[in-house]
C-alpha atoms as a PDB file:
ATOM      1  CA  MET A   1      50.984  16.381 -65.271  1.00  0.00           C
ATOM      2  CA  THR A   2      50.755  17.873 -62.037  1.00  0.00           C
ATOM      3  CA  ARG A   3      49.860  15.697 -58.885  1.00  0.00           C
ATOM      4  CA  SER A   4      47.443  16.907 -56.484  1.00  0.00           C
ATOM      5  CA  ARG A   5      49.203  17.579 -53.049  1.00  0.00           C
ATOM      6  CA  THR A   6      46.569  15.811 -51.245  1.00  0.00           C
ATOM      7  CA  SER A   7      46.912  12.787 -53.443  1.00  0.00           C
ATOM      8  CA  THR A   8      50.585  12.676 -52.863  1.00  0.00           C
ATOM      9  CA  PHE A   9      50.813  13.128 -49.033  1.00  0.00           C
ATOM     10  CA  GLY A  10      48.096  10.688 -48.921  1.00  0.00           C
ATOM     11  CA  ALA A  11      50.035   8.244 -50.722  1.00  0.00           C
ATOM     12  CA  LEU A  12      53.691   8.852 -49.504  1.00  0.00           C
ATOM     13  CA  GLY A  13      53.403  10.617 -46.201  1.00  0.00           C
ATOM     14  CA  ARG A  14      51.032   8.366 -44.329  1.00  0.00           C
ATOM     15  CA  SER A  15      50.003   4.935 -44.382  1.00  0.00           C
ATOM     16  CA  PRO A  16      46.244   4.068 -44.378  1.00  0.00           C
ATOM     17  CA  ALA A  17      44.432   3.398 -41.012  1.00  0.00           C
ATOM     18  CA  ARG A  18      44.178  -0.389 -40.171  1.00  0.00           C
ATOM     19  CA  ALA A  19      40.707  -1.942 -39.925  1.00  0.00           C
ATOM     20  CA  SER A  20      39.729  -2.810 -36.290  1.00  0.00           C
ATOM     21  CA  LYS A  21      38.383  -6.129 -35.623  1.00  0.00           C
ATOM     22  CA  GLN A  22      34.489  -5.659 -34.425  1.00  0.00           C
ATOM     23  CA  MET A  23      33.746  -7.526 -30.767  1.00  0.00           C
ATOM     24  CA  PRO A  24      30.322  -9.328 -30.308  1.00  0.00           C
ATOM     25  CA  ALA A  25      28.029  -7.384 -28.181  1.00  0.00           C
ATOM     26  CA  PRO A  26      27.918  -8.896 -24.542  1.00  0.00           C
ATOM     27  CA  PRO A  27      24.756 -10.635 -23.200  1.00  0.00           C
ATOM     28  CA  PRO A  28      22.397  -8.367 -21.469  1.00  0.00           C
ATOM     29  CA  PRO A  29      22.980  -8.301 -17.702  1.00  0.00           C
ATOM     30  CA  GLY A  30      20.880 -10.912 -15.743  1.00  0.00           C
ATOM     31  CA  ASP A  31      20.844 -13.710 -18.165  1.00  0.00           C
ATOM     32  CA  ALA A  32      23.189 -16.594 -17.103  1.00  0.00           C
ATOM     33  CA  PRO A  33      24.644 -18.681 -19.734  1.00  0.00           C
ATOM     34  CA  PRO A  34      22.593 -21.931 -20.414  1.00  0.00           C
ATOM     35  CA  PRO A  35      24.428 -24.888 -18.403  1.00  0.00           C
ATOM     36  CA  GLU A  36      26.336 -27.510 -20.435  1.00  0.00           C
ATOM     37  CA  ARG A  37      24.107 -30.303 -21.451  1.00  0.00           C
ATOM     38  CA  GLY A  38      24.518 -33.486 -19.157  1.00  0.00           C
ATOM     39  CA  ALA A  39      26.700 -31.777 -16.557  1.00  0.00           C
ATOM     40  CA  VAL A  40      24.488 -32.453 -13.553  1.00  0.00           C
ATOM     41  CA  ARG A  41      24.069 -35.818 -14.451  1.00  0.00           C
ATOM     42  CA  ARG A  42      27.990 -36.417 -14.556  1.00  0.00           C
ATOM     43  CA  TRP A  43      28.377 -34.686 -11.236  1.00  0.00           C
ATOM     44  CA  ILE A  44      25.917 -36.901  -9.139  1.00  0.00           C
ATOM     45  CA  HIS A  45      27.506 -40.004 -10.972  1.00  0.00           C
ATOM     46  CA  GLY A  46      30.846 -38.688  -9.817  1.00  0.00           C
ATOM     47  CA  ALA A  47      29.773 -37.923  -6.340  1.00  0.00           C
ATOM     48  CA  LEU A  48      28.294 -41.395  -5.641  1.00  0.00           C
ATOM     49  CA  PHE A  49      30.719 -43.726  -7.724  1.00  0.00           C
ATOM     50  CA  ASP A  50      34.118 -42.004  -8.097  1.00  0.00           C
ATOM     51  CA  ASN A  51      36.676 -43.106  -5.330  1.00  0.00           C
ATOM     52  CA  LEU A  52      34.197 -45.752  -4.339  1.00  0.00           C
ATOM     53  CA  LEU A  53      36.674 -47.773  -1.979  1.00  0.00           C
ATOM     54  CA  LEU A  54      37.958 -44.479  -0.191  1.00  0.00           C
ATOM     55  CA  LYS A  55      34.415 -43.535   0.508  1.00  0.00           C
ATOM     56  CA  PHE A  56      33.589 -47.001   2.146  1.00  0.00           C
ATOM     57  CA  LEU A  57      36.475 -46.859   3.990  1.00  0.00           C
ATOM     58  CA  SER A  58      35.498 -43.434   5.427  1.00  0.00           C
ATOM     59  CA  MET A  59      32.062 -44.721   6.322  1.00  0.00           C
ATOM     60  CA  VAL A  60      33.484 -47.640   8.344  1.00  0.00           C
ATOM     61  CA  LEU A  61      35.791 -45.456  10.179  1.00  0.00           C
ATOM     62  CA  ALA A  62      33.074 -42.859  10.898  1.00  0.00           C
ATOM     63  CA  VAL A  63      30.839 -45.768  12.312  1.00  0.00           C
ATOM     64  CA  THR A  64      33.741 -47.310  14.432  1.00  0.00           C
ATOM     65  CA  VAL A  65      34.572 -43.773  15.932  1.00  0.00           C
ATOM     66  CA  PHE A  66      30.878 -43.285  16.611  1.00  0.00           C
ATOM     67  CA  LEU A  67      30.383 -46.732  18.499  1.00  0.00           C
ATOM     68  CA  LEU A  68      33.637 -46.173  20.558  1.00  0.00           C
ATOM     69  CA  VAL A  69      32.460 -42.650  21.672  1.00  0.00           C
ATOM     70  CA  ASN A  70      28.926 -43.894  22.581  1.00  0.00           C
ATOM     71  CA  THR A  71      29.708 -47.157  24.213  1.00  0.00           C
ATOM     72  CA  ASP A  72      31.832 -45.313  26.616  1.00  0.00           C
ATOM     73  CA  LYS A  73      29.042 -42.907  27.453  1.00  0.00           C
ATOM     74  CA  ASP A  74      27.200 -43.673  30.718  1.00  0.00           C
ATOM     75  CA  ASN A  75      23.804 -44.903  30.707  1.00  0.00           C
ATOM     76  CA  ASP A  76      21.351 -46.683  33.060  1.00  0.00           C
ATOM     77  CA  ILE A  77      19.057 -49.583  33.156  1.00  0.00           C
ATOM     78  CA  THR A  78      16.375 -50.640  36.053  1.00  0.00           C
ATOM     79  CA  VAL A  79      16.401 -54.429  36.889  1.00  0.00           C
ATOM     80  CA  ARG A  80      14.425 -56.267  39.630  1.00  0.00           C
ATOM     81  CA  ALA A  81      15.976 -58.042  42.686  1.00  0.00           C
ATOM     82  CA  PRO A  82      14.260 -60.111  45.777  1.00  0.00           C
ATOM     83  CA  LEU A  83      14.431 -58.570  48.843  1.00  0.00           C
ATOM     84  CA  LYS A  84      15.240 -60.950  51.998  1.00  0.00           C
ATOM     85  CA  TYR A  85      14.416 -59.709  55.589  1.00  0.00           C
ATOM     86  CA  GLU A  86      16.526 -60.690  58.389  1.00  0.00           C
ATOM     87  CA  TYR A  87      14.974 -60.223  61.814  1.00  0.00           C
ATOM     88  CA  PRO A  88      15.501 -61.668  65.330  1.00  0.00           C
ATOM     89  CA  ALA A  89      14.059 -65.448  66.281  1.00  0.00           C
ATOM     90  CA  ASP A  90      11.886 -64.056  68.939  1.00  0.00           C
ATOM     91  CA  LYS A  91       9.998 -61.635  66.911  1.00  0.00           C
ATOM     92  CA  VAL A  92       7.620 -62.137  64.007  1.00  0.00           C
ATOM     93  CA  LEU A  93       7.260 -59.571  61.039  1.00  0.00           C
ATOM     94  CA  VAL A  94       3.266 -58.553  61.054  1.00  0.00           C
ATOM     95  CA  SER A  95       3.693 -55.674  58.651  1.00  0.00           C
ATOM     96  CA  GLU A  96       3.428 -56.516  54.812  1.00  0.00           C
ATOM     97  CA  ALA A  97       6.526 -57.672  53.306  1.00  0.00           C
ATOM     98  CA  VAL A  98       7.889 -56.286  50.122  1.00  0.00           C
ATOM     99  CA  PRO A  99       9.033 -59.227  47.991  1.00  0.00           C
ATOM    100  CA  GLU A 100      11.194 -57.321  45.452  1.00  0.00           C
ATOM    101  CA  VAL A 101      12.594 -54.063  44.898  1.00  0.00           C
ATOM    102  CA  ARG A 102      13.657 -52.104  41.495  1.00  0.00           C
ATOM    103  CA  VAL A 103      17.207 -51.085  41.376  1.00  0.00           C
ATOM    104  CA  THR A 104      18.540 -48.643  38.937  1.00  0.00           C
ATOM    105  CA  ILE A 105      22.188 -49.295  37.829  1.00  0.00           C
ATOM    106  CA  LYS A 106      24.535 -46.813  36.021  1.00  0.00           C
ATOM    107  CA  GLY A 107      27.580 -47.380  33.910  1.00  0.00           C
ATOM    108  CA  PRO A 108      29.153 -47.614  30.465  1.00  0.00           C
ATOM    109  CA  TRP A 109      26.542 -48.790  27.962  1.00  0.00           C
ATOM    110  CA  ARG A 110      29.111 -51.897  27.168  1.00  0.00           C
ATOM    111  CA  ARG A 111      29.058 -53.052  30.465  1.00  0.00           C
ATOM    112  CA  LEU A 112      25.240 -52.604  31.077  1.00  0.00           C
ATOM    113  CA  LYS A 113      24.756 -54.727  27.860  1.00  0.00           C
ATOM    114  CA  GLU A 114      26.545 -57.645  29.315  1.00  0.00           C
ATOM    115  CA  PHE A 115      24.997 -57.088  32.821  1.00  0.00           C
ATOM    116  CA  ASP A 116      22.848 -60.150  33.909  1.00  0.00           C
ATOM    117  CA  GLU A 117      20.248 -59.193  36.831  1.00  0.00           C
ATOM    118  CA  ARG A 118      20.459 -62.430  38.295  1.00  0.00           C
ATOM    119  CA  GLN A 119      24.259 -61.221  39.333  1.00  0.00           C
ATOM    120  CA  LEU A 120      22.548 -59.202  42.026  1.00  0.00           C
ATOM    121  CA  GLY A 121      21.118 -62.235  43.980  1.00  0.00           C
ATOM    122  CA  GLU A 122      19.070 -61.313  47.053  1.00  0.00           C
ATOM    123  CA  ILE A 123      19.157 -57.951  48.818  1.00  0.00           C
ATOM    124  CA  ARG A 124      19.352 -58.512  52.242  1.00  0.00           C
ATOM    125  CA  LEU A 125      17.696 -56.254  54.860  1.00  0.00           C
ATOM    126  CA  ASP A 126      19.055 -56.542  58.439  1.00  0.00           C
ATOM    127  CA  LEU A 127      16.206 -55.734  60.925  1.00  0.00           C
ATOM    128  CA  ARG A 128      17.487 -57.394  63.807  1.00  0.00           C
ATOM    129  CA  ASN A 129      18.226 -54.098  65.544  1.00  0.00           C
ATOM    130  CA  ALA A 130      15.578 -51.989  63.545  1.00  0.00           C
ATOM    131  CA  PRO A 131      12.973 -50.329  65.426  1.00  0.00           C
ATOM    132  CA  THR A 132       9.200 -50.456  64.178  1.00  0.00           C
ATOM    133  CA  GLY A 133       8.853 -47.791  61.518  1.00  0.00           C
ATOM    134  CA  ASP A 134      10.150 -46.934  57.806  1.00  0.00           C
ATOM    135  CA  VAL A 135      13.668 -48.574  57.133  1.00  0.00           C
ATOM    136  CA  PRO A 136      15.556 -46.907  54.362  1.00  0.00           C
ATOM    137  CA  LEU A 137      16.780 -48.978  51.298  1.00  0.00           C
ATOM    138  CA  THR A 138      20.323 -47.491  50.409  1.00  0.00           C
ATOM    139  CA  PRO A 139      22.680 -48.431  47.664  1.00  0.00           C
ATOM    140  CA  ASP A 140      25.105 -50.022  49.909  1.00  0.00           C
ATOM    141  CA  LEU A 141      22.663 -52.836  50.470  1.00  0.00           C
ATOM    142  CA  VAL A 142      23.565 -54.024  46.842  1.00  0.00           C
ATOM    143  CA  THR A 143      26.819 -55.675  47.040  1.00  0.00           C
ATOM    144  CA  ASN A 144      27.270 -58.050  43.987  1.00  0.00           C
ATOM    145  CA  LEU A 145      27.731 -55.411  41.181  1.00  0.00           C
ATOM    146  CA  PRO A 146      30.593 -55.925  38.847  1.00  0.00           C
ATOM    147  CA  PRO A 147      33.405 -53.326  38.574  1.00  0.00           C
ATOM    148  CA  GLY A 148      32.563 -50.269  36.790  1.00  0.00           C
ATOM    149  CA  LEU A 149      28.739 -50.091  37.657  1.00  0.00           C
ATOM    150  CA  THR A 150      27.073 -48.236  40.315  1.00  0.00           C
ATOM    151  CA  VAL A 151      23.838 -47.918  42.032  1.00  0.00           C
ATOM    152  CA  LYS A 152      21.862 -44.835  41.108  1.00  0.00           C
ATOM    153  CA  ASP A 153      18.557 -45.555  42.899  1.00  0.00           C
ATOM    154  CA  ILE A 154      16.225 -48.264  44.776  1.00  0.00           C
ATOM    155  CA  SER A 155      12.554 -48.111  44.502  1.00  0.00           C
ATOM    156  CA  PRO A 156      10.894 -48.171  46.874  1.00  0.00           C
ATOM    157  CA  ARG A 157      13.463 -46.070  48.860  1.00  0.00           C
ATOM    158  CA  THR A 158      11.945 -47.161  52.355  1.00  0.00           C
ATOM    159  CA  VAL A 159       9.811 -50.068  53.573  1.00  0.00           C
ATOM    160  CA  ARG A 160       7.409 -50.052  56.514  1.00  0.00           C
ATOM    161  CA  VAL A 161       8.107 -52.773  59.395  1.00  0.00           C
ATOM    162  CA  ALA A 162       6.258 -53.702  62.384  1.00  0.00           C
ATOM    163  CA  PHE A 163       7.143 -56.612  64.672  1.00  0.00           C
ATOM    164  CA  ASP A 164       5.305 -58.698  67.473  1.00  0.00           C
ATOM    165  CA  ARG A 165       6.642 -61.091  70.054  1.00  0.00           C
ATOM    166  CA  ARG A 166       6.850 -64.659  68.814  1.00  0.00           C
ATOM    167  CA  VAL A 167       5.066 -67.031  70.891  1.00  0.00           C
ATOM    168  CA  GLU A 168       3.629 -70.776  70.858  1.00  0.00           C
ATOM    169  CA  LYS A 169       0.492 -72.353  71.733  1.00  0.00           C
ATOM    170  CA  LEU A 170      -1.653 -75.598  71.345  1.00  0.00           C
ATOM    171  CA  ALA A 171      -4.268 -75.623  68.879  1.00  0.00           C
ATOM    172  CA  GLU A 172      -6.886 -78.240  68.089  1.00  0.00           C
ATOM    173  CA  VAL A 173      -6.717 -79.714  64.673  1.00  0.00           C
ATOM    174  CA  VAL A 174     -10.024 -79.582  62.871  1.00  0.00           C
ATOM    175  CA  PRO A 175     -10.354 -81.776  59.802  1.00  0.00           C
ATOM    176  CA  ILE A 176     -11.778 -80.406  56.646  1.00  0.00           C
ATOM    177  CA  THR A 177     -13.773 -82.701  54.493  1.00  0.00           C
ATOM    178  CA  THR A 178     -15.097 -82.535  50.843  1.00  0.00           C
ATOM    179  CA  GLY A 179     -17.704 -84.315  49.042  1.00  0.00           C
ATOM    180  CA  ARG A 180     -20.347 -86.645  50.382  1.00  0.00           C
ATOM    181  CA  PRO A 181     -20.466 -90.593  51.095  1.00  0.00           C
ATOM    182  CA  GLN A 182     -22.479 -92.630  48.610  1.00  0.00           C
ATOM    183  CA  HIS A 183     -26.432 -92.361  48.886  1.00  0.00           C
ATOM    184  CA  GLY A 184     -27.725 -94.072  51.902  1.00  0.00           C
ATOM    185  CA  TYR A 185     -24.285 -93.591  54.189  1.00  0.00           C
ATOM    186  CA  VAL A 186     -23.272 -90.691  56.246  1.00  0.00           C
ATOM    187  CA  LEU A 187     -20.346 -89.317  58.152  1.00  0.00           C
ATOM    188  CA  ALA A 188     -20.820 -90.434  61.515  1.00  0.00           C
ATOM    189  CA  GLU A 189     -17.464 -89.365  63.127  1.00  0.00           C
ATOM    190  CA  ILE A 190     -14.204 -87.846  62.182  1.00  0.00           C
ATOM    191  CA  LYS A 191     -11.357 -87.116  64.576  1.00  0.00           C
ATOM    192  CA  SER A 192      -7.532 -86.324  64.258  1.00  0.00           C
ATOM    193  CA  VAL A 193      -4.556 -88.058  65.928  1.00  0.00           C
ATOM    194  CA  PRO A 194      -3.120 -86.035  67.661  1.00  0.00           C
ATOM    195  CA  ALA A 195      -5.896 -84.041  68.496  1.00  0.00           C
ATOM    196  CA  THR A 196      -3.854 -80.901  69.278  1.00  0.00           C
ATOM    197  CA  VAL A 197      -0.530 -79.501  67.854  1.00  0.00           C
ATOM    198  CA  LYS A 198       1.924 -76.815  68.645  1.00  0.00           C
ATOM    199  CA  ILE A 199       1.530 -73.626  66.543  1.00  0.00           C
ATOM    200  CA  ARG A 200       3.741 -70.534  66.420  1.00  0.00           C
ATOM    201  CA  GLY A 201       3.217 -66.738  65.533  1.00  0.00           C
ATOM    202  CA  GLY A 202       2.773 -63.169  66.742  1.00  0.00           C
ATOM    203  CA  GLU A 203       1.355 -62.933  70.267  1.00  0.00           C
ATOM    204  CA  ARG A 204      -1.684 -60.814  69.158  1.00  0.00           C
ATOM    205  CA  LEU A 205      -2.481 -62.940  66.113  1.00  0.00           C
ATOM    206  CA  LEU A 206      -2.182 -66.341  68.171  1.00  0.00           C
ATOM    207  CA  ALA A 207      -4.502 -64.916  70.807  1.00  0.00           C
ATOM    208  CA  ALA A 208      -7.545 -65.000  68.558  1.00  0.00           C
ATOM    209  CA  ILE A 209      -6.770 -68.450  67.206  1.00  0.00           C
ATOM    210  CA  SER A 210      -7.884 -71.648  68.766  1.00  0.00           C
ATOM    211  CA  SER A 211      -7.605 -74.193  65.931  1.00  0.00           C
ATOM    212  CA  ILE A 212      -5.671 -75.285  63.027  1.00  0.00           C
ATOM    213  CA  ARG A 213      -7.212 -76.929  59.904  1.00  0.00           C
ATOM    214  CA  THR A 214      -6.230 -79.899  57.827  1.00  0.00           C
ATOM    215  CA  SER A 215      -5.971 -80.345  54.258  1.00  0.00           C
ATOM    216  CA  GLU A 216      -9.037 -81.445  52.357  1.00  0.00           C
ATOM    217  CA  ILE A 217     -10.215 -85.196  53.094  1.00  0.00           C
ATOM    218  CA  SER A 218     -12.463 -86.536  50.163  1.00  0.00           C
ATOM    219  CA  LEU A 219     -15.485 -88.501  51.461  1.00  0.00           C
ATOM    220  CA  GLU A 220     -16.928 -88.764  47.838  1.00  0.00           C
ATOM    221  CA  GLY A 221     -18.732 -92.162  47.252  1.00  0.00           C
ATOM    222  CA  ARG A 222     -17.599 -93.510  50.471  1.00  0.00           C
ATOM    223  CA  THR A 223     -19.435 -96.515  52.004  1.00  0.00           C
ATOM    224  CA  GLU A 224     -16.949 -97.677  54.730  1.00  0.00           C
ATOM    225  CA  SER A 225     -14.730 -96.212  57.380  1.00  0.00           C
ATOM    226  CA  PHE A 226     -10.976 -95.346  56.820  1.00  0.00           C
ATOM    227  CA  GLU A 227      -8.020 -93.796  57.974  1.00  0.00           C
ATOM    228  CA  GLN A 228      -5.928 -91.128  56.094  1.00  0.00           C
ATOM    229  CA  LEU A 229      -2.611 -88.766  56.704  1.00  0.00           C
ATOM    230  CA  ALA A 230      -3.394 -85.421  56.168  1.00  0.00           C
ATOM    231  CA  GLU A 231      -1.102 -82.161  56.062  1.00  0.00           C
ATOM    232  CA  LEU A 232      -1.769 -79.171  58.411  1.00  0.00           C
ATOM    233  CA  ALA A 233      -3.063 -76.111  56.676  1.00  0.00           C
ATOM    234  CA  PRO A 234      -2.113 -72.902  59.076  1.00  0.00           C
ATOM    235  CA  SER A 235      -3.794 -69.512  58.097  1.00  0.00           C
ATOM    236  CA  GLU A 236      -1.437 -66.672  57.356  1.00  0.00           C
ATOM    237  CA  GLY A 237       1.130 -65.663  59.834  1.00  0.00           C
ATOM    238  CA  VAL A 238       0.798 -68.959  61.517  1.00  0.00           C
ATOM    239  CA  SER A 239       3.360 -71.503  61.330  1.00  0.00           C
ATOM    240  CA  VAL A 240       3.836 -75.274  62.422  1.00  0.00           C
ATOM    241  CA  ASP A 241       6.501 -78.076  61.964  1.00  0.00           C
ATOM    242  CA  PRO A 242       6.444 -78.428  58.210  1.00  0.00           C
ATOM    243  CA  THR A 243       7.078 -82.254  58.518  1.00  0.00           C
ATOM    244  CA  LEU A 244       4.230 -82.723  60.831  1.00  0.00           C
ATOM    245  CA  ARG A 245       1.421 -85.160  59.486  1.00  0.00           C
ATOM    246  CA  VAL A 246      -1.808 -85.937  61.348  1.00  0.00           C
ATOM    247  CA  GLY A 247      -3.816 -89.109  61.187  1.00  0.00           C
ATOM    248  CA  VAL A 248      -7.397 -88.627  60.469  1.00  0.00           C
ATOM    249  CA  ASN A 249      -9.861 -91.537  61.372  1.00  0.00           C
ATOM    250  CA  VAL A 250     -13.262 -91.201  59.402  1.00  0.00           C
ATOM    251  CA  ARG A 251     -16.354 -93.214  60.680  1.00  0.00           C
ATOM    252  CA  ILE A 252     -18.817 -93.908  57.815  1.00  0.00           C
ATOM    253  CA  GLU A 253     -22.145 -95.599  58.819  1.00  0.00           C
ATOM    254  CA  GLU A 254     -25.693 -96.204  57.008  1.00  0.00           C
ATOM    255  CA  GLU A 255     -27.904 -93.230  57.286  1.00  0.00           C
ATOM    256  CA  LEU A 256     -30.662 -93.761  59.787  1.00  0.00           C
ATOM    257  CA  VAL A 257     -34.134 -92.263  58.991  1.00  0.00           C
ATOM    258  CA  THR A 258     -37.718 -92.444  59.572  1.00  0.00           C
ATOM    259  CA  ARG A 259     -40.259 -92.032  56.935  1.00  0.00           C
ATOM    260  CA  LYS A 260     -43.865 -91.644  57.188  1.00  0.00           C
ATOM    261  CA  THR A 261     -46.411 -92.856  54.431  1.00  0.00           C
ATOM    262  CA  PRO A 262     -50.171 -91.995  54.761  1.00  0.00           C
ATOM    263  CA  GLY A 263     -52.845 -93.354  53.119  1.00  0.00           C
ATOM    264  CA  ILE A 264     -52.177 -96.991  52.664  1.00  0.00           C
ATOM    265  CA  VAL A 265     -55.108 -99.258  51.635  1.00  0.00           C
ATOM    266  CA  ILE A 266     -55.382-102.183  54.161  1.00  0.00           C
ATOM    267  CA  SER A 267     -55.753-105.674  52.502  1.00  0.00           C
ATOM    268  CA  VAL A 268     -57.859-108.528  53.924  1.00  0.00           C
ATOM    269  CA  LYS A 269     -56.079-111.921  53.902  1.00  0.00           C
ATOM    270  CA  GLY A 270     -56.583-115.329  55.142  1.00  0.00           C
ATOM    271  CA  ASP A 271     -56.770-118.890  53.943  1.00  0.00           C
ATOM    272  CA  GLY A 272     -60.278-119.557  52.340  1.00  0.00           C
ATOM    273  CA  VAL A 273     -61.040-116.137  53.036  1.00  0.00           C
ATOM    274  CA  ASP A 274     -62.835-114.146  50.204  1.00  0.00           C
ATOM    275  CA  PRO A 275     -61.475-110.242  50.787  1.00  0.00           C
ATOM    276  CA  ALA A 276     -64.542-108.878  48.808  1.00  0.00           C
ATOM    277  CA  ARG A 277     -67.200-110.317  51.372  1.00  0.00           C
ATOM    278  CA  TRP A 278     -65.384-108.051  54.156  1.00  0.00           C
ATOM    279  CA  THR A 279     -65.413-104.216  54.636  1.00  0.00           C
ATOM    280  CA  VAL A 280     -62.515-102.552  56.678  1.00  0.00           C
ATOM    281  CA  SER A 281     -62.817 -99.541  58.596  1.00  0.00           C
ATOM    282  CA  PRO A 282     -61.123 -97.243  58.426  1.00  0.00           C
ATOM    283  CA  PRO A 283     -59.831 -98.634  55.030  1.00  0.00           C
ATOM    284  CA  GLN A 284     -56.342 -97.050  55.128  1.00  0.00           C
ATOM    285  CA  VAL A 285     -53.475 -96.464  57.633  1.00  0.00           C
ATOM    286  CA  GLU A 286     -50.340 -94.360  58.113  1.00  0.00           C
ATOM    287  CA  VAL A 287     -47.224 -96.263  58.179  1.00  0.00           C
ATOM    288  CA  SER A 288     -44.080 -95.007  59.783  1.00  0.00           C
ATOM    289  CA  LEU A 289     -40.750 -96.841  58.942  1.00  0.00           C
ATOM    290  CA  THR A 290     -37.559 -96.476  61.022  1.00  0.00           C
ATOM    291  CA  GLY A 291     -34.072 -97.745  59.936  1.00  0.00           C
ATOM    292  CA  ALA A 292     -31.243 -97.537  57.451  1.00  0.00           C
ATOM    293  CA  LEU A 293     -32.373 -95.348  54.772  1.00  0.00           C
ATOM    294  CA  LEU A 294     -31.678 -97.749  51.880  1.00  0.00           C
ATOM    295  CA  ALA A 295     -33.601-100.500  53.654  1.00  0.00           C
ATOM    296  CA  VAL A 296     -36.649 -98.139  54.186  1.00  0.00           C
ATOM    297  CA  GLU A 297     -36.763 -97.034  50.620  1.00  0.00           C
ATOM    298  CA  LYS A 298     -36.884-100.814  49.774  1.00  0.00           C
ATOM    299  CA  ALA A 299     -39.851-101.524  52.313  1.00  0.00           C
ATOM    300  CA  ARG A 300     -41.844 -98.522  51.046  1.00  0.00           C
ATOM    301  CA  ASN A 301     -42.330-100.466  47.819  1.00  0.00           C
ATOM    302  CA  THR A 302     -42.857-103.754  49.114  1.00  0.00           C
ATOM    303  CA  MET A 303     -44.806-103.485  52.118  1.00  0.00           C
ATOM    304  CA  THR A 304     -48.603-103.923  52.385  1.00  0.00           C
ATOM    305  CA  PRO A 305     -50.818-103.376  55.391  1.00  0.00           C
ATOM    306  CA  ILE A 306     -53.072-106.438  56.140  1.00  0.00           C
ATOM    307  CA  VAL A 307     -55.760-107.923  58.512  1.00  0.00           C
ATOM    308  CA  LYS A 308     -55.707-111.606  59.021  1.00  0.00           C
ATOM    309  CA  LEU A 309     -58.999-113.575  59.085  1.00  0.00           C
ATOM    310  CA  THR A 310     -60.123-117.112  58.955  1.00  0.00           C
ATOM    311  CA  VAL A 311     -62.991-118.906  57.218  1.00  0.00           C
ATOM    312  CA  SER A 312     -64.587-119.283  60.805  1.00  0.00           C
ATOM    313  CA  ASP A 313     -64.999-115.449  61.229  1.00  0.00           C
ATOM    314  CA  ARG A 314     -68.671-114.489  60.640  1.00  0.00           C
ATOM    315  CA  THR A 315     -69.065-111.561  62.822  1.00  0.00           C
ATOM    316  CA  ALA A 316     -67.913-107.848  62.716  1.00  0.00           C
ATOM    317  CA  ARG A 317     -65.019-107.308  65.301  1.00  0.00           C
ATOM    318  CA  GLU A 318     -61.665-105.420  65.806  1.00  0.00           C
ATOM    319  CA  VAL A 319     -58.420-106.968  64.395  1.00  0.00           C
ATOM    320  CA  GLU A 320     -54.788-105.873  64.561  1.00  0.00           C
ATOM    321  CA  VAL A 321     -53.185-104.338  61.443  1.00  0.00           C
ATOM    322  CA  THR A 322     -49.932-105.854  60.683  1.00  0.00           C
ATOM    323  CA  ILE A 323     -47.482-105.242  57.640  1.00  0.00           C
ATOM    324  CA  ASP A 324     -46.660-107.820  55.005  1.00  0.00           C
ATOM    325  CA  GLY A 325     -43.294-107.796  52.876  1.00  0.00           C
ATOM    326  CA  LEU A 326     -41.141-105.778  55.665  1.00  0.00           C
ATOM    327  CA  PRO A 327     -37.274-106.356  55.190  1.00  0.00           C
ATOM    328  CA  PRO A 328     -35.485-107.146  58.677  1.00  0.00           C
ATOM    329  CA  GLY A 329     -33.960-104.310  60.374  1.00  0.00           C
ATOM    330  CA  VAL A 330     -36.657-102.012  59.738  1.00  0.00           C
ATOM    331  CA  GLY A 331     -39.015-100.679  62.632  1.00  0.00           C
ATOM    332  CA  VAL A 332     -42.595-100.070  61.838  1.00  0.00           C
ATOM    333  CA  ARG A 333     -45.346 -98.078  63.542  1.00  0.00           C
ATOM    334  CA  ILE A 334     -48.960 -98.248  62.036  1.00  0.00           C
ATOM    335  CA  SER A 335     -51.706 -95.672  63.139  1.00  0.00           C
ATOM    336  CA  PRO A 336     -54.344 -96.934  63.693  1.00  0.00           C
ATOM    337  CA  GLU A 337     -52.965-100.267  64.951  1.00  0.00           C
ATOM    338  CA  ARG A 338     -56.492-101.784  64.987  1.00  0.00           C
ATOM    339  CA  VAL A 339     -59.212-101.398  62.690  1.00  0.00           C
ATOM    340  CA  LYS A 340     -62.945-102.871  62.408  1.00  0.00           C
ATOM    341  CA  VAL A 341     -63.839-105.608  60.082  1.00  0.00           C
ATOM    342  CA  THR A 342     -67.334-106.443  59.003  1.00  0.00           C
ATOM    343  CA  PRO A 343     -68.954-109.020  56.833  1.00  0.00           C
ATOM    344  CA  VAL A 344     -70.988-107.904  53.834  1.00  0.00           C
ATOM    345  CA  ARG A 345     -74.481-109.011  53.898  1.00  0.00           C
END
């Protein structure tokens, strides 16, 4: 049997072709592969909790470096300090004194935190040779700053000063009282011992001052005279010896008054006399009382104007009006002094 050439060549001369492995088709462009499930959560957990000790040490080191850098950085604070004026004894300051100033201090923050403003003490302003006008406040006036700190500014930067010549003169002492004596009593006299004292101050100011007051002396409820020591109370700009005290003599007396009482009915009195059988004309009088207030007030409640008759009186006549029940020490004046009495028919 004759073989076909094609079949022989195909079987002997060439081996059959290998079948190629088919590759999967690539994903369409622009579509990212889906993330693995739980990967984000594991990344966050690792960022927070992996190498925890190392991360803590790094944080402490960073904070330490920050503090060291910033504590050495310059900063400033403002504090207050009293201002003390120094001027000659023969002059007096007549301008308004500035009691304190604000001082701005510059330096490392660590030193500023440890600084106590009481360390500054008083700032002394030497005015012994200063003329009238504006005097500058310069940083060199602050002398008690710790090392490493400097004065950046002082506010106010100038103070206004004006002087007058200091003089002395005698001034009358005027005692000052408060309150009132008890009812029926009055202040009769008050005087100081000594009557005058020496005062000091600016020449122009003292030219307008002639007296100096004492501290207040209470008269409240007083009924008797008394003596008391009192301090002097000079006005602003005036000075006296701070140890000086003056004696004050106070005289309290009963209040003397005159009181008029009109329209008091006259009574008829006498042994064996029937008042109903007599008429009085005018029937009333005005009575003026003079004396101590308490005695006069008592007399107005107890007195009675009267005319005295006897049983032998039978005809009309003028008689003197007197006051019955008048306490001692009270003067009296009656108007009219005499009245007409007439028997009733």
